[in-house]
Amino acid sequence: EKYDDIPVEATGNNCPPHIESFSDVEMGEIIMG
């Protein structure tokens, strides 16, 4: 898929660590349904 070709940058103080999948983060009950 093309998702791996989308460049993403985060700069500044206290940037969150990168994730490999959505299971790596707590998205919350409302978002995950």
PDB file of N, CA and C in Angstrom:
ATOM      1  N   GLU A   1       0.822  -1.180   0.000  1.00  0.00           N
ATOM      2  CA  GLU A   1       0.000   0.000   0.000  1.00  0.00           C
ATOM      3  C   GLU A   1       0.866   1.243   0.000  1.00  0.00           C
ATOM      4  N   LYS A   2       0.255   2.364  -0.230  1.00  0.00           N
ATOM      5  CA  LYS A   2       0.970   3.639  -0.312  1.00  0.00           C
ATOM      6  C   LYS A   2       1.209   4.295   1.046  1.00  0.00           C
ATOM      7  N   TYR A   3       0.671   3.731   2.136  1.00  0.00           N
ATOM      8  CA  TYR A   3       0.819   4.361   3.447  1.00  0.00           C
ATOM      9  C   TYR A   3       2.275   4.514   3.853  1.00  0.00           C
ATOM     10  N   ASP A   4       3.127   3.575   3.469  1.00  0.00           N
ATOM     11  CA  ASP A   4       4.543   3.660   3.819  1.00  0.00           C
ATOM     12  C   ASP A   4       5.262   4.767   3.069  1.00  0.00           C
ATOM     13  N   ASP A   5       4.664   5.304   2.017  1.00  0.00           N
ATOM     14  CA  ASP A   5       5.281   6.356   1.215  1.00  0.00           C
ATOM     15  C   ASP A   5       4.913   7.764   1.674  1.00  0.00           C
ATOM     16  N   ILE A   6       4.070   7.890   2.701  1.00  0.00           N
ATOM     17  CA  ILE A   6       3.636   9.195   3.194  1.00  0.00           C
ATOM     18  C   ILE A   6       4.643   9.683   4.233  1.00  0.00           C
ATOM     19  N   PRO A   7       5.363  10.784   3.935  1.00  0.00           N
ATOM     20  CA  PRO A   7       6.341  11.275   4.913  1.00  0.00           C
ATOM     21  C   PRO A   7       5.649  11.938   6.108  1.00  0.00           C
ATOM     22  N   VAL A   8       6.148  11.654   7.290  1.00  0.00           N
ATOM     23  CA  VAL A   8       5.600  12.234   8.515  1.00  0.00           C
ATOM     24  C   VAL A   8       6.761  12.733   9.355  1.00  0.00           C
ATOM     25  N   GLU A   9       6.653  13.970   9.848  1.00  0.00           N
ATOM     26  CA  GLU A   9       7.676  14.539  10.718  1.00  0.00           C
ATOM     27  C   GLU A   9       7.019  15.113  11.958  1.00  0.00           C
ATOM     28  N   ALA A  10       7.683  14.961  13.081  1.00  0.00           N
ATOM     29  CA  ALA A  10       7.245  15.582  14.331  1.00  0.00           C
ATOM     30  C   ALA A  10       8.448  16.296  14.915  1.00  0.00           C
ATOM     31  N   THR A  11       8.271  17.577  15.235  1.00  0.00           N
ATOM     32  CA  THR A  11       9.370  18.352  15.795  1.00  0.00           C
ATOM     33  C   THR A  11       8.897  19.063  17.051  1.00  0.00           C
ATOM     34  N   GLY A  12       9.849  19.546  17.809  1.00  0.00           N
ATOM     35  CA  GLY A  12       9.512  20.288  19.015  1.00  0.00           C
ATOM     36  C   GLY A  12       9.871  19.512  20.262  1.00  0.00           C
ATOM     37  N   ASN A  13       9.358  19.983  21.371  1.00  0.00           N
ATOM     38  CA  ASN A  13       9.632  19.353  22.661  1.00  0.00           C
ATOM     39  C   ASN A  13       8.604  18.274  22.960  1.00  0.00           C
ATOM     40  N   ASN A  14       9.052  17.202  23.578  1.00  0.00           N
ATOM     41  CA  ASN A  14       8.176  16.112  24.025  1.00  0.00           C
ATOM     42  C   ASN A  14       7.383  15.473  22.891  1.00  0.00           C
ATOM     43  N   CYS A  15       8.007  15.254  21.751  1.00  0.00           N
ATOM     44  CA  CYS A  15       7.340  14.552  20.653  1.00  0.00           C
ATOM     45  C   CYS A  15       7.081  13.108  21.073  1.00  0.00           C
ATOM     46  N   PRO A  16       5.925  12.574  20.733  1.00  0.00           N
ATOM     47  CA  PRO A  16       5.652  11.181  21.104  1.00  0.00           C
ATOM     48  C   PRO A  16       6.530  10.233  20.290  1.00  0.00           C
ATOM     49  N   PRO A  17       6.825   9.059  20.823  1.00  0.00           N
ATOM     50  CA  PRO A  17       7.621   8.084  20.073  1.00  0.00           C
ATOM     51  C   PRO A  17       6.831   7.553  18.881  1.00  0.00           C
ATOM     52  N   HIS A  18       7.528   7.102  17.843  1.00  0.00           N
ATOM     53  CA  HIS A  18       6.828   6.563  16.676  1.00  0.00           C
ATOM     54  C   HIS A  18       6.192   5.221  17.028  1.00  0.00           C
ATOM     55  N   ILE A  19       5.187   4.834  16.271  1.00  0.00           N
ATOM     56  CA  ILE A  19       4.520   3.552  16.485  1.00  0.00           C
ATOM     57  C   ILE A  19       4.602   2.740  15.208  1.00  0.00           C
ATOM     58  N   GLU A  20       4.529   1.442  15.351  1.00  0.00           N
ATOM     59  CA  GLU A  20       4.520   0.543  14.200  1.00  0.00           C
ATOM     60  C   GLU A  20       3.100   0.118  13.843  1.00  0.00           C
ATOM     61  N   SER A  21       2.182   0.124  14.825  1.00  0.00           N
ATOM     62  CA  SER A  21       0.799  -0.258  14.566  1.00  0.00           C
ATOM     63  C   SER A  21      -0.102   0.424  15.589  1.00  0.00           C
ATOM     64  N   PHE A  22      -1.396   0.454  15.312  1.00  0.00           N
ATOM     65  CA  PHE A  22      -2.336   1.099  16.219  1.00  0.00           C
ATOM     66  C   PHE A  22      -2.443   0.351  17.543  1.00  0.00           C
ATOM     67  N   SER A  23      -2.069  -0.927  17.570  1.00  0.00           N
ATOM     68  CA  SER A  23      -2.112  -1.668  18.831  1.00  0.00           C
ATOM     69  C   SER A  23      -1.016  -1.213  19.790  1.00  0.00           C
ATOM     70  N   ASP A  24      -0.051  -0.425  19.308  1.00  0.00           N
ATOM     71  CA  ASP A  24       1.025   0.086  20.152  1.00  0.00           C
ATOM     72  C   ASP A  24       0.588   1.253  21.030  1.00  0.00           C
ATOM     73  N   VAL A  25      -0.568   1.843  20.769  1.00  0.00           N
ATOM     74  CA  VAL A  25      -1.014   3.006  21.532  1.00  0.00           C
ATOM     75  C   VAL A  25      -2.419   2.788  22.073  1.00  0.00           C
ATOM     76  N   GLU A  26      -2.726   3.499  23.146  1.00  0.00           N
ATOM     77  CA  GLU A  26      -4.065   3.470  23.722  1.00  0.00           C
ATOM     78  C   GLU A  26      -4.889   4.556  23.046  1.00  0.00           C
ATOM     79  N   MET A  27      -5.813   4.162  22.177  1.00  0.00           N
ATOM     80  CA  MET A  27      -6.607   5.119  21.418  1.00  0.00           C
ATOM     81  C   MET A  27      -7.867   5.555  22.160  1.00  0.00           C
ATOM     82  N   GLY A  28      -8.253   4.844  23.185  1.00  0.00           N
ATOM     83  CA  GLY A  28      -9.449   5.203  23.934  1.00  0.00           C
ATOM     84  C   GLY A  28     -10.668   4.452  23.427  1.00  0.00           C
ATOM     85  N   GLU A  29     -11.603   4.238  24.309  1.00  0.00           N
ATOM     86  CA  GLU A  29     -12.794   3.458  23.989  1.00  0.00           C
ATOM     87  C   GLU A  29     -13.665   4.122  22.929  1.00  0.00           C
ATOM     88  N   ILE A  30     -13.772   5.454  22.954  1.00  0.00           N
ATOM     89  CA  ILE A  30     -14.625   6.164  21.994  1.00  0.00           C
ATOM     90  C   ILE A  30     -14.094   5.999  20.576  1.00  0.00           C
ATOM     91  N   ILE A  31     -12.791   6.138  20.392  1.00  0.00           N
ATOM     92  CA  ILE A  31     -12.204   6.021  19.054  1.00  0.00           C
ATOM     93  C   ILE A  31     -12.259   4.576  18.561  1.00  0.00           C
ATOM     94  N   MET A  32     -11.911   3.625  19.418  1.00  0.00           N
ATOM     95  CA  MET A  32     -11.836   2.229  19.010  1.00  0.00           C
ATOM     96  C   MET A  32     -13.206   1.567  18.916  1.00  0.00           C
ATOM     97  N   GLY A  33     -14.229   2.185  19.518  1.00  0.00           N
ATOM     98  CA  GLY A  33     -15.589   1.681  19.419  1.00  0.00           C
ATOM     99  C   GLY A  33     -15.789   0.458  20.179  1.00  0.00           C
TER     100      GLY A  33
END
